[in-house]
Amino acid sequence: SWIPFIFVSLFGILPLYWYMNVVDFNWYLDVYIST
């Protein structure tokens, strides 16, 4: 079960990390704070 744990964890964080490094952070911060 360590293998699916690693897959789910890695694939779970990769889109978040990628998104936060390509998004316009100032724009995202405005949306985040407003929400």
Full PDB file with SEQRES, HELIX, SHEET, SSBOND, CRYST1, ORIGX, SCALE, CONECT and MASTER records, all heavy atoms in Angstrom:
SEQRES   1 A   35  SER TRP ILE PRO PHE ILE PHE VAL SER LEU PHE GLY ILE          
SEQRES   2 A   35  LEU PRO LEU TYR TRP TYR MET ASN VAL VAL ASP PHE ASN          
SEQRES   3 A   35  TRP TYR LEU ASP VAL TYR ILE SER THR                          
HELIX    1 AA1 TRP A    2  VAL A   22  1                                  21    
HELIX    2 AA2 PHE A   25  SER A   34  1                                  10    
CRYST1    1.000    1.000    1.000  90.00  90.00  90.00 P 1           1          
ORIGX1      1.000000  0.000000  0.000000        0.00000                         
ORIGX2      0.000000  1.000000  0.000000        0.00000                         
ORIGX3      0.000000  0.000000  1.000000        0.00000                         
SCALE1      1.000000  0.000000  0.000000        0.00000                         
SCALE2      0.000000  1.000000  0.000000        0.00000                         
SCALE3      0.000000  0.000000  1.000000        0.00000                         
ATOM      1  N   SER A   1       0.807  -1.227   0.000  1.00  0.00           N  
ATOM      2  CA  SER A   1       0.000   0.000   0.000  1.00  0.00           C  
ATOM      3  C   SER A   1       0.838   1.273   0.000  1.00  0.00           C  
ATOM      4  O   SER A   1       0.292   2.368  -0.193  1.00  0.00           O  
ATOM      5  CB  SER A   1      -0.946   0.002   1.214  1.00  0.00           C  
ATOM      6  OG  SER A   1      -1.868  -1.064   1.124  1.00  0.00           O  
ATOM      7  N   TRP A   2       2.147   1.151   0.232  1.00  0.00           N  
ATOM      8  CA  TRP A   2       3.011   2.326   0.140  1.00  0.00           C  
ATOM      9  C   TRP A   2       3.028   2.900  -1.276  1.00  0.00           C  
ATOM     10  O   TRP A   2       3.188   4.111  -1.454  1.00  0.00           O  
ATOM     11  CB  TRP A   2       4.447   1.971   0.553  1.00  0.00           C  
ATOM     12  CG  TRP A   2       4.633   1.877   2.026  1.00  0.00           C  
ATOM     13  CD1 TRP A   2       4.734   0.743   2.789  1.00  0.00           C  
ATOM     14  CD2 TRP A   2       4.716   2.971   2.941  1.00  0.00           C  
ATOM     15  NE1 TRP A   2       4.879   1.064   4.105  1.00  0.00           N  
ATOM     16  CE2 TRP A   2       4.879   2.428   4.232  1.00  0.00           C  
ATOM     17  CE3 TRP A   2       4.674   4.360   2.795  1.00  0.00           C  
ATOM     18  CZ2 TRP A   2       5.001   3.221   5.372  1.00  0.00           C  
ATOM     19  CZ3 TRP A   2       4.796   5.150   3.928  1.00  0.00           C  
ATOM     20  CH2 TRP A   2       4.958   4.587   5.194  1.00  0.00           C  
ATOM     21  N   ILE A   3       2.862   2.059  -2.280  1.00  0.00           N  
ATOM     22  CA  ILE A   3       2.944   2.525  -3.672  1.00  0.00           C  
ATOM     23  C   ILE A   3       1.773   3.427  -4.035  1.00  0.00           C  
ATOM     24  O   ILE A   3       1.973   4.551  -4.525  1.00  0.00           O  
ATOM     25  CB  ILE A   3       3.058   1.339  -4.642  1.00  0.00           C  
ATOM     26  CG1 ILE A   3       4.269   0.475  -4.271  1.00  0.00           C  
ATOM     27  CG2 ILE A   3       3.169   1.832  -6.087  1.00  0.00           C  
ATOM     28  CD1 ILE A   3       5.600   1.242  -4.239  1.00  0.00           C  
ATOM     29  N   PRO A   4       0.510   3.024  -3.807  1.00  0.00           N  
ATOM     30  CA  PRO A   4      -0.589   3.970  -4.091  1.00  0.00           C  
ATOM     31  C   PRO A   4      -0.531   5.202  -3.206  1.00  0.00           C  
ATOM     32  O   PRO A   4      -0.939   6.287  -3.629  1.00  0.00           O  
ATOM     33  CB  PRO A   4      -1.854   3.148  -3.846  1.00  0.00           C  
ATOM     34  CG  PRO A   4      -1.424   2.017  -2.979  1.00  0.00           C  
ATOM     35  CD  PRO A   4      -0.016   1.704  -3.391  1.00  0.00           C  
ATOM     36  N   PHE A   5      -0.047   5.057  -1.965  1.00  0.00           N  
ATOM     37  CA  PHE A   5       0.116   6.223  -1.096  1.00  0.00           C  
ATOM     38  C   PHE A   5       1.041   7.246  -1.738  1.00  0.00           C  
ATOM     39  O   PHE A   5       0.741   8.453  -1.769  1.00  0.00           O  
ATOM     40  CB  PHE A   5       0.668   5.791   0.267  1.00  0.00           C  
ATOM     41  CG  PHE A   5       1.214   6.929   1.091  1.00  0.00           C  
ATOM     42  CD1 PHE A   5       0.351   7.804   1.729  1.00  0.00           C  
ATOM     43  CD2 PHE A   5       2.581   7.129   1.206  1.00  0.00           C  
ATOM     44  CE1 PHE A   5       0.848   8.868   2.484  1.00  0.00           C  
ATOM     45  CE2 PHE A   5       3.082   8.183   1.956  1.00  0.00           C  
ATOM     46  CZ  PHE A   5       2.214   9.058   2.587  1.00  0.00           C  
ATOM     47  N   ILE A   6       2.155   6.782  -2.282  1.00  0.00           N  
ATOM     48  CA  ILE A   6       3.119   7.679  -2.939  1.00  0.00           C  
ATOM     49  C   ILE A   6       2.503   8.300  -4.188  1.00  0.00           C  
ATOM     50  O   ILE A   6       2.633   9.506  -4.431  1.00  0.00           O  
ATOM     51  CB  ILE A   6       4.418   6.921  -3.278  1.00  0.00           C  
ATOM     52  CG1 ILE A   6       5.156   6.542  -1.982  1.00  0.00           C  
ATOM     53  CG2 ILE A   6       5.322   7.764  -4.176  1.00  0.00           C  
ATOM     54  CD1 ILE A   6       6.331   5.620  -2.191  1.00  0.00           C  
ATOM     55  N   PHE A   7       1.806   7.491  -4.995  1.00  0.00           N  
ATOM     56  CA  PHE A   7       1.191   8.005  -6.220  1.00  0.00           C  
ATOM     57  C   PHE A   7       0.145   9.072  -5.912  1.00  0.00           C  
ATOM     58  O   PHE A   7       0.140  10.153  -6.507  1.00  0.00           O  
ATOM     59  CB  PHE A   7       0.536   6.862  -7.009  1.00  0.00           C  
ATOM     60  CG  PHE A   7       1.494   6.054  -7.830  1.00  0.00           C  
ATOM     61  CD1 PHE A   7       1.208   4.731  -8.152  1.00  0.00           C  
ATOM     62  CD2 PHE A   7       2.678   6.597  -8.289  1.00  0.00           C  
ATOM     63  CE1 PHE A   7       2.085   3.976  -8.920  1.00  0.00           C  
ATOM     64  CE2 PHE A   7       3.569   5.852  -9.048  1.00  0.00           C  
ATOM     65  CZ  PHE A   7       3.272   4.540  -9.358  1.00  0.00           C  
ATOM     66  N   VAL A   8      -0.755   8.783  -4.976  1.00  0.00           N  
ATOM     67  CA  VAL A   8      -1.818   9.730  -4.639  1.00  0.00           C  
ATOM     68  C   VAL A   8      -1.223  11.012  -4.068  1.00  0.00           C  
ATOM     69  O   VAL A   8      -1.661  12.118  -4.406  1.00  0.00           O  
ATOM     70  CB  VAL A   8      -2.811   9.092  -3.644  1.00  0.00           C  
ATOM     71  CG1 VAL A   8      -3.780  10.138  -3.101  1.00  0.00           C  
ATOM     72  CG2 VAL A   8      -3.584   7.962  -4.307  1.00  0.00           C  
ATOM     73  N   SER A   9      -0.202  10.883  -3.232  1.00  0.00           N  
ATOM     74  CA  SER A   9       0.419  12.052  -2.615  1.00  0.00           C  
ATOM     75  C   SER A   9       1.148  12.906  -3.650  1.00  0.00           C  
ATOM     76  O   SER A   9       0.977  14.131  -3.691  1.00  0.00           O  
ATOM     77  CB  SER A   9       1.395  11.619  -1.514  1.00  0.00           C  
ATOM     78  OG  SER A   9       0.728  10.904  -0.491  1.00  0.00           O  
ATOM     79  N   LEU A  10       1.959  12.272  -4.487  1.00  0.00           N  
ATOM     80  CA  LEU A  10       2.729  13.015  -5.486  1.00  0.00           C  
ATOM     81  C   LEU A  10       1.828  13.697  -6.511  1.00  0.00           C  
ATOM     82  O   LEU A  10       2.005  14.879  -6.823  1.00  0.00           O  
ATOM     83  CB  LEU A  10       3.724  12.086  -6.188  1.00  0.00           C  
ATOM     84  CG  LEU A  10       4.958  11.677  -5.393  1.00  0.00           C  
ATOM     85  CD1 LEU A  10       5.841  10.739  -6.215  1.00  0.00           C  
ATOM     86  CD2 LEU A  10       5.774  12.905  -4.977  1.00  0.00           C  
ATOM     87  N   PHE A  11       0.869  12.945  -7.026  1.00  0.00           N  
ATOM     88  CA  PHE A  11      -0.029  13.528  -8.022  1.00  0.00           C  
ATOM     89  C   PHE A  11      -0.943  14.567  -7.399  1.00  0.00           C  
ATOM     90  O   PHE A  11      -1.463  15.440  -8.090  1.00  0.00           O  
ATOM     91  CB  PHE A  11      -0.847  12.437  -8.715  1.00  0.00           C  
ATOM     92  CG  PHE A  11      -0.143  11.777  -9.857  1.00  0.00           C  
ATOM     93  CD1 PHE A  11       0.540  10.584  -9.670  1.00  0.00           C  
ATOM     94  CD2 PHE A  11      -0.133  12.348 -11.117  1.00  0.00           C  
ATOM     95  CE1 PHE A  11       1.215   9.971 -10.721  1.00  0.00           C  
ATOM     96  CE2 PHE A  11       0.528  11.756 -12.177  1.00  0.00           C  
ATOM     97  CZ  PHE A  11       1.207  10.558 -11.978  1.00  0.00           C  
ATOM     98  N   GLY A  12      -1.136  14.468  -6.086  1.00  0.00           N  
ATOM     99  CA  GLY A  12      -1.960  15.460  -5.405  1.00  0.00           C  
ATOM    100  C   GLY A  12      -1.266  16.799  -5.248  1.00  0.00           C  
ATOM    101  O   GLY A  12      -1.898  17.851  -5.365  1.00  0.00           O  
ATOM    102  N   ILE A  13       0.055  16.769  -4.991  1.00  0.00           N  
ATOM    103  CA  ILE A  13       0.775  18.022  -4.745  1.00  0.00           C  
ATOM    104  C   ILE A  13       1.358  18.628  -6.026  1.00  0.00           C  
ATOM    105  O   ILE A  13       1.558  19.845  -6.088  1.00  0.00           O  
ATOM    106  CB  ILE A  13       1.901  17.839  -3.708  1.00  0.00           C  
ATOM    107  CG1 ILE A  13       2.984  16.897  -4.222  1.00  0.00           C  
ATOM    108  CG2 ILE A  13       1.322  17.326  -2.402  1.00  0.00           C  
ATOM    109  CD1 ILE A  13       4.168  16.754  -3.280  1.00  0.00           C  
ATOM    110  N   LEU A  14       1.605  17.810  -7.044  1.00  0.00           N  
ATOM    111  CA  LEU A  14       2.225  18.325  -8.266  1.00  0.00           C  
ATOM    112  C   LEU A  14       1.395  19.412  -8.945  1.00  0.00           C  
ATOM    113  O   LEU A  14       1.935  20.481  -9.278  1.00  0.00           O  
ATOM    114  CB  LEU A  14       2.521  17.182  -9.239  1.00  0.00           C  
ATOM    115  CG  LEU A  14       3.187  17.581 -10.567  1.00  0.00           C  
ATOM    116  CD1 LEU A  14       4.503  18.296 -10.313  1.00  0.00           C  
ATOM    117  CD2 LEU A  14       3.413  16.350 -11.449  1.00  0.00           C  
ATOM    118  N   PRO A  15       0.075  19.199  -9.175  1.00  0.00           N  
ATOM    119  CA  PRO A  15      -0.708  20.280  -9.799  1.00  0.00           C  
ATOM    120  C   PRO A  15      -0.727  21.549  -8.963  1.00  0.00           C  
ATOM    121  O   PRO A  15      -0.677  22.657  -9.512  1.00  0.00           O  
ATOM    122  CB  PRO A  15      -2.113  19.677  -9.919  1.00  0.00           C  
ATOM    123  CG  PRO A  15      -1.919  18.208  -9.873  1.00  0.00           C  
ATOM    124  CD  PRO A  15      -0.750  18.000  -8.960  1.00  0.00           C  
ATOM    125  N   LEU A  16      -0.784  21.425  -7.622  1.00  0.00           N  
ATOM    126  CA  LEU A  16      -0.780  22.601  -6.748  1.00  0.00           C  
ATOM    127  C   LEU A  16       0.528  23.372  -6.878  1.00  0.00           C  
ATOM    128  O   LEU A  16       0.531  24.597  -7.018  1.00  0.00           O  
ATOM    129  CB  LEU A  16      -0.982  22.172  -5.286  1.00  0.00           C  
ATOM    130  CG  LEU A  16      -2.392  21.818  -4.848  1.00  0.00           C  
ATOM    131  CD1 LEU A  16      -2.374  21.313  -3.414  1.00  0.00           C  
ATOM    132  CD2 LEU A  16      -3.308  23.029  -4.965  1.00  0.00           C  
ATOM    133  N   TYR A  17       1.631  22.638  -6.821  1.00  0.00           N  
ATOM    134  CA  TYR A  17       2.954  23.285  -6.908  1.00  0.00           C  
ATOM    135  C   TYR A  17       3.131  23.958  -8.262  1.00  0.00           C  
ATOM    136  O   TYR A  17       3.604  25.093  -8.351  1.00  0.00           O  
ATOM    137  CB  TYR A  17       4.050  22.248  -6.680  1.00  0.00           C  
ATOM    138  CG  TYR A  17       5.445  22.830  -6.715  1.00  0.00           C  
ATOM    139  CD1 TYR A  17       5.964  23.473  -5.599  1.00  0.00           C  
ATOM    140  CD2 TYR A  17       6.223  22.748  -7.874  1.00  0.00           C  
ATOM    141  CE1 TYR A  17       7.241  24.021  -5.622  1.00  0.00           C  
ATOM    142  CE2 TYR A  17       7.494  23.298  -7.905  1.00  0.00           C  
ATOM    143  CZ  TYR A  17       7.992  23.928  -6.782  1.00  0.00           C  
ATOM    144  OH  TYR A  17       9.248  24.479  -6.822  1.00  0.00           O  
ATOM    145  N   TRP A  18       2.742  23.260  -9.313  1.00  0.00           N  
ATOM    146  CA  TRP A  18       2.872  23.796 -10.670  1.00  0.00           C  
ATOM    147  C   TRP A  18       2.007  25.038 -10.832  1.00  0.00           C  
ATOM    148  O   TRP A  18       2.458  26.059 -11.356  1.00  0.00           O  
ATOM    149  CB  TRP A  18       2.461  22.712 -11.656  1.00  0.00           C  
ATOM    150  CG  TRP A  18       2.806  22.991 -13.104  1.00  0.00           C  
ATOM    151  CD1 TRP A  18       3.083  24.208 -13.674  1.00  0.00           C  
ATOM    152  CD2 TRP A  18       2.912  22.023 -14.145  1.00  0.00           C  
ATOM    153  NE1 TRP A  18       3.330  24.068 -15.011  1.00  0.00           N  
ATOM    154  CE2 TRP A  18       3.239  22.738 -15.328  1.00  0.00           C  
ATOM    155  CE3 TRP A  18       2.750  20.653 -14.213  1.00  0.00           C  
ATOM    156  CZ2 TRP A  18       3.399  22.081 -16.544  1.00  0.00           C  
ATOM    157  CZ3 TRP A  18       2.910  20.014 -15.419  1.00  0.00           C  
ATOM    158  CH2 TRP A  18       3.237  20.730 -16.573  1.00  0.00           C  
ATOM    159  N   TYR A  19       0.768  24.936 -10.378  1.00  0.00           N  
ATOM    160  CA  TYR A  19      -0.161  26.062 -10.504  1.00  0.00           C  
ATOM    161  C   TYR A  19       0.374  27.305  -9.807  1.00  0.00           C  
ATOM    162  O   TYR A  19       0.350  28.412 -10.367  1.00  0.00           O  
ATOM    163  CB  TYR A  19      -1.514  25.674  -9.911  1.00  0.00           C  
ATOM    164  CG  TYR A  19      -2.515  26.813  -9.878  1.00  0.00           C  
ATOM    165  CD1 TYR A  19      -3.240  27.162 -11.013  1.00  0.00           C  
ATOM    166  CD2 TYR A  19      -2.741  27.539  -8.702  1.00  0.00           C  
ATOM    167  CE1 TYR A  19      -4.170  28.203 -10.986  1.00  0.00           C  
ATOM    168  CE2 TYR A  19      -3.658  28.578  -8.666  1.00  0.00           C  
ATOM    169  CZ  TYR A  19      -4.361  28.905  -9.806  1.00  0.00           C  
ATOM    170  OH  TYR A  19      -5.261  29.943  -9.778  1.00  0.00           O  
ATOM    171  N   MET A  20       0.860  27.144  -8.599  1.00  0.00           N  
ATOM    172  CA  MET A  20       1.325  28.291  -7.816  1.00  0.00           C  
ATOM    173  C   MET A  20       2.594  28.913  -8.404  1.00  0.00           C  
ATOM    174  O   MET A  20       2.946  30.044  -8.064  1.00  0.00           O  
ATOM    175  CB  MET A  20       1.570  27.877  -6.372  1.00  0.00           C  
ATOM    176  CG  MET A  20       0.304  27.528  -5.609  1.00  0.00           C  
ATOM    177  SD  MET A  20      -0.909  28.878  -5.576  1.00  0.00           S  
ATOM    178  CE  MET A  20      -0.009  30.116  -4.626  1.00  0.00           C  
ATOM    179  N   ASN A  21       3.272  28.189  -9.278  1.00  0.00           N  
ATOM    180  CA  ASN A  21       4.482  28.723  -9.897  1.00  0.00           C  
ATOM    181  C   ASN A  21       4.255  29.297 -11.292  1.00  0.00           C  
ATOM    182  O   ASN A  21       5.185  29.852 -11.879  1.00  0.00           O  
ATOM    183  CB  ASN A  21       5.562  27.641  -9.948  1.00  0.00           C  
ATOM    184  CG  ASN A  21       6.270  27.457  -8.621  1.00  0.00           C  
ATOM    185  OD1 ASN A  21       7.230  28.153  -8.306  1.00  0.00           O  
ATOM    186  ND2 ASN A  21       5.780  26.526  -7.815  1.00  0.00           N  
ATOM    187  N   VAL A  22       3.038  29.160 -11.831  1.00  0.00           N  
ATOM    188  CA  VAL A  22       2.752  29.744 -13.145  1.00  0.00           C  
ATOM    189  C   VAL A  22       1.672  30.814 -13.083  1.00  0.00           C  
ATOM    190  O   VAL A  22       1.551  31.627 -13.998  1.00  0.00           O  
ATOM    191  CB  VAL A  22       2.349  28.655 -14.173  1.00  0.00           C  
ATOM    192  CG1 VAL A  22       3.463  27.647 -14.370  1.00  0.00           C  
ATOM    193  CG2 VAL A  22       1.068  27.943 -13.752  1.00  0.00           C  
ATOM    194  N   VAL A  23       0.896  30.820 -11.999  1.00  0.00           N  
ATOM    195  CA  VAL A  23      -0.183  31.793 -11.878  1.00  0.00           C  
ATOM    196  C   VAL A  23       0.380  33.178 -11.563  1.00  0.00           C  
ATOM    197  O   VAL A  23       1.475  33.312 -10.990  1.00  0.00           O  
ATOM    198  CB  VAL A  23      -1.176  31.361 -10.774  1.00  0.00           C  
ATOM    199  CG1 VAL A  23      -0.571  31.530  -9.373  1.00  0.00           C  
ATOM    200  CG2 VAL A  23      -2.494  32.105 -10.874  1.00  0.00           C  
ATOM    201  N   ASP A  24      -0.337  34.213 -11.978  1.00  0.00           N  
ATOM    202  CA  ASP A  24       0.001  35.586 -11.588  1.00  0.00           C  
ATOM    203  C   ASP A  24      -0.276  35.691 -10.085  1.00  0.00           C  
ATOM    204  O   ASP A  24      -1.436  35.758  -9.667  1.00  0.00           O  
ATOM    205  CB  ASP A  24      -0.870  36.571 -12.376  1.00  0.00           C  
ATOM    206  CG  ASP A  24      -0.545  38.024 -12.049  1.00  0.00           C  
ATOM    207  OD1 ASP A  24      -0.091  38.313 -10.927  1.00  0.00           O  
ATOM    208  OD2 ASP A  24      -0.780  38.883 -12.920  1.00  0.00           O  
ATOM    209  N   PHE A  25       0.786  35.710  -9.285  1.00  0.00           N  
ATOM    210  CA  PHE A  25       0.604  35.580  -7.846  1.00  0.00           C  
ATOM    211  C   PHE A  25      -0.156  36.761  -7.248  1.00  0.00           C  
ATOM    212  O   PHE A  25      -0.960  36.583  -6.327  1.00  0.00           O  
ATOM    213  CB  PHE A  25       1.956  35.426  -7.143  1.00  0.00           C  
ATOM    214  CG  PHE A  25       1.821  35.174  -5.668  1.00  0.00           C  
ATOM    215  CD1 PHE A  25       1.286  33.979  -5.197  1.00  0.00           C  
ATOM    216  CD2 PHE A  25       2.207  36.142  -4.747  1.00  0.00           C  
ATOM    217  CE1 PHE A  25       1.142  33.752  -3.837  1.00  0.00           C  
ATOM    218  CE2 PHE A  25       2.068  35.909  -3.385  1.00  0.00           C  
ATOM    219  CZ  PHE A  25       1.540  34.711  -2.925  1.00  0.00           C  
ATOM    220  N   ASN A  26       0.104  37.970  -7.729  1.00  0.00           N  
ATOM    221  CA  ASN A  26      -0.612  39.138  -7.197  1.00  0.00           C  
ATOM    222  C   ASN A  26      -2.114  39.027  -7.471  1.00  0.00           C  
ATOM    223  O   ASN A  26      -2.942  39.357  -6.609  1.00  0.00           O  
ATOM    224  CB  ASN A  26      -0.056  40.423  -7.801  1.00  0.00           C  
ATOM    225  CG  ASN A  26       1.319  40.755  -7.276  1.00  0.00           C  
ATOM    226  OD1 ASN A  26       1.622  40.511  -6.105  1.00  0.00           O  
ATOM    227  ND2 ASN A  26       2.178  41.295  -8.139  1.00  0.00           N  
ATOM    228  N   TRP A  27      -2.441  38.573  -8.669  1.00  0.00           N  
ATOM    229  CA  TRP A  27      -3.850  38.358  -8.996  1.00  0.00           C  
ATOM    230  C   TRP A  27      -4.441  37.271  -8.115  1.00  0.00           C  
ATOM    231  O   TRP A  27      -5.537  37.428  -7.561  1.00  0.00           O  
ATOM    232  CB  TRP A  27      -3.994  37.961 -10.468  1.00  0.00           C  
ATOM    233  CG  TRP A  27      -5.373  37.469 -10.816  1.00  0.00           C  
ATOM    234  CD1 TRP A  27      -6.459  38.218 -11.136  1.00  0.00           C  
ATOM    235  CD2 TRP A  27      -5.815  36.094 -10.824  1.00  0.00           C  
ATOM    236  NE1 TRP A  27      -7.552  37.402 -11.352  1.00  0.00           N  
ATOM    237  CE2 TRP A  27      -7.185  36.103 -11.171  1.00  0.00           C  
ATOM    238  CE3 TRP A  27      -5.178  34.879 -10.588  1.00  0.00           C  
ATOM    239  CZ2 TRP A  27      -7.927  34.933 -11.284  1.00  0.00           C  
ATOM    240  CZ3 TRP A  27      -5.924  33.714 -10.690  1.00  0.00           C  
ATOM    241  CH2 TRP A  27      -7.280  33.749 -11.040  1.00  0.00           C  
ATOM    242  N   TYR A  28      -3.712  36.153  -7.974  1.00  0.00           N  
ATOM    243  CA  TYR A  28      -4.214  35.054  -7.155  1.00  0.00           C  
ATOM    244  C   TYR A  28      -4.393  35.482  -5.705  1.00  0.00           C  
ATOM    245  O   TYR A  28      -5.367  35.101  -5.050  1.00  0.00           O  
ATOM    246  CB  TYR A  28      -3.265  33.852  -7.213  1.00  0.00           C  
ATOM    247  CG  TYR A  28      -3.705  32.732  -6.306  1.00  0.00           C  
ATOM    248  CD1 TYR A  28      -4.730  31.869  -6.693  1.00  0.00           C  
ATOM    249  CD2 TYR A  28      -3.134  32.565  -5.048  1.00  0.00           C  
ATOM    250  CE1 TYR A  28      -5.174  30.862  -5.854  1.00  0.00           C  
ATOM    251  CE2 TYR A  28      -3.576  31.559  -4.203  1.00  0.00           C  
ATOM    252  CZ  TYR A  28      -4.579  30.721  -4.607  1.00  0.00           C  
ATOM    253  OH  TYR A  28      -5.030  29.725  -3.772  1.00  0.00           O  
ATOM    254  N   LEU A  29      -3.467  36.287  -5.211  1.00  0.00           N  
ATOM    255  CA  LEU A  29      -3.543  36.740  -3.823  1.00  0.00           C  
ATOM    256  C   LEU A  29      -4.797  37.582  -3.589  1.00  0.00           C  
ATOM    257  O   LEU A  29      -5.441  37.467  -2.550  1.00  0.00           O  
ATOM    258  CB  LEU A  29      -2.284  37.535  -3.474  1.00  0.00           C  
ATOM    259  CG  LEU A  29      -1.900  37.623  -1.991  1.00  0.00           C  
ATOM    260  CD1 LEU A  29      -1.817  36.234  -1.372  1.00  0.00           C  
ATOM    261  CD2 LEU A  29      -0.581  38.361  -1.839  1.00  0.00           C  
ATOM    262  N   ASP A  30      -5.127  38.415  -4.568  1.00  0.00           N  
ATOM    263  CA  ASP A  30      -6.361  39.217  -4.444  1.00  0.00           C  
ATOM    264  C   ASP A  30      -7.583  38.303  -4.341  1.00  0.00           C  
ATOM    265  O   ASP A  30      -8.480  38.531  -3.520  1.00  0.00           O  
ATOM    266  CB  ASP A  30      -6.506  40.150  -5.653  1.00  0.00           C  
ATOM    267  CG  ASP A  30      -5.503  41.297  -5.630  1.00  0.00           C  
ATOM    268  OD1 ASP A  30      -5.035  41.647  -4.530  1.00  0.00           O  
ATOM    269  OD2 ASP A  30      -5.191  41.836  -6.711  1.00  0.00           O  
ATOM    270  N   VAL A  31      -7.628  37.271  -5.200  1.00  0.00           N  
ATOM    271  CA  VAL A  31      -8.751  36.330  -5.191  1.00  0.00           C  
ATOM    272  C   VAL A  31      -8.770  35.547  -3.883  1.00  0.00           C  
ATOM    273  O   VAL A  31      -9.828  35.363  -3.259  1.00  0.00           O  
ATOM    274  CB  VAL A  31      -8.660  35.362  -6.385  1.00  0.00           C  
ATOM    275  CG1 VAL A  31      -9.765  34.303  -6.311  1.00  0.00           C  
ATOM    276  CG2 VAL A  31      -8.750  36.128  -7.695  1.00  0.00           C  
ATOM    277  N   TYR A  32      -7.592  35.099  -3.458  1.00  0.00           N  
ATOM    278  CA  TYR A  32      -7.491  34.295  -2.242  1.00  0.00           C  
ATOM    279  C   TYR A  32      -7.940  35.078  -1.009  1.00  0.00           C  
ATOM    280  O   TYR A  32      -8.705  34.577  -0.185  1.00  0.00           O  
ATOM    281  CB  TYR A  32      -6.042  33.828  -2.061  1.00  0.00           C  
ATOM    282  CG  TYR A  32      -5.807  32.996  -0.824  1.00  0.00           C  
ATOM    283  CD1 TYR A  32      -6.115  31.639  -0.800  1.00  0.00           C  
ATOM    284  CD2 TYR A  32      -5.262  33.566   0.330  1.00  0.00           C  
ATOM    285  CE1 TYR A  32      -5.907  30.872   0.337  1.00  0.00           C  
ATOM    286  CE2 TYR A  32      -5.043  32.811   1.467  1.00  0.00           C  
ATOM    287  CZ  TYR A  32      -5.364  31.463   1.457  1.00  0.00           C  
ATOM    288  OH  TYR A  32      -5.156  30.707   2.582  1.00  0.00           O  
ATOM    289  N   ILE A  33      -7.472  36.309  -0.904  1.00  0.00           N  
ATOM    290  CA  ILE A  33      -7.833  37.148   0.242  1.00  0.00           C  
ATOM    291  C   ILE A  33      -9.318  37.460   0.236  1.00  0.00           C  
ATOM    292  O   ILE A  33      -9.987  37.422   1.272  1.00  0.00           O  
ATOM    293  CB  ILE A  33      -7.000  38.445   0.243  1.00  0.00           C  
ATOM    294  CG1 ILE A  33      -5.525  38.126   0.531  1.00  0.00           C  
ATOM    295  CG2 ILE A  33      -7.532  39.431   1.272  1.00  0.00           C  
ATOM    296  CD1 ILE A  33      -4.603  39.317   0.407  1.00  0.00           C  
ATOM    297  N   SER A  34      -9.849  37.759  -0.947  1.00  0.00           N  
ATOM    298  CA  SER A  34     -11.272  38.057  -1.063  1.00  0.00           C  
ATOM    299  C   SER A  34     -12.119  36.863  -0.656  1.00  0.00           C  
ATOM    300  O   SER A  34     -13.151  37.005   0.008  1.00  0.00           O  
ATOM    301  CB  SER A  34     -11.602  38.487  -2.494  1.00  0.00           C  
ATOM    302  OG  SER A  34     -12.977  38.705  -2.652  1.00  0.00           O  
ATOM    303  N   THR A  35     -11.675  35.656  -1.041  1.00  0.00           N  
ATOM    304  CA  THR A  35     -12.422  34.437  -0.719  1.00  0.00           C  
ATOM    305  C   THR A  35     -12.276  34.064   0.747  1.00  0.00           C  
ATOM    306  O   THR A  35     -13.250  33.683   1.405  1.00  0.00           O  
ATOM    307  CB  THR A  35     -11.938  33.263  -1.596  1.00  0.00           C  
ATOM    308  OG1 THR A  35     -12.085  33.618  -2.977  1.00  0.00           O  
ATOM    309  CG2 THR A  35     -12.738  32.002  -1.315  1.00  0.00           C  
TER     310      THR A  35                                                      
MASTER        0    0    0    2    0    0    0    6  309    1    0    3          
END                                                                             
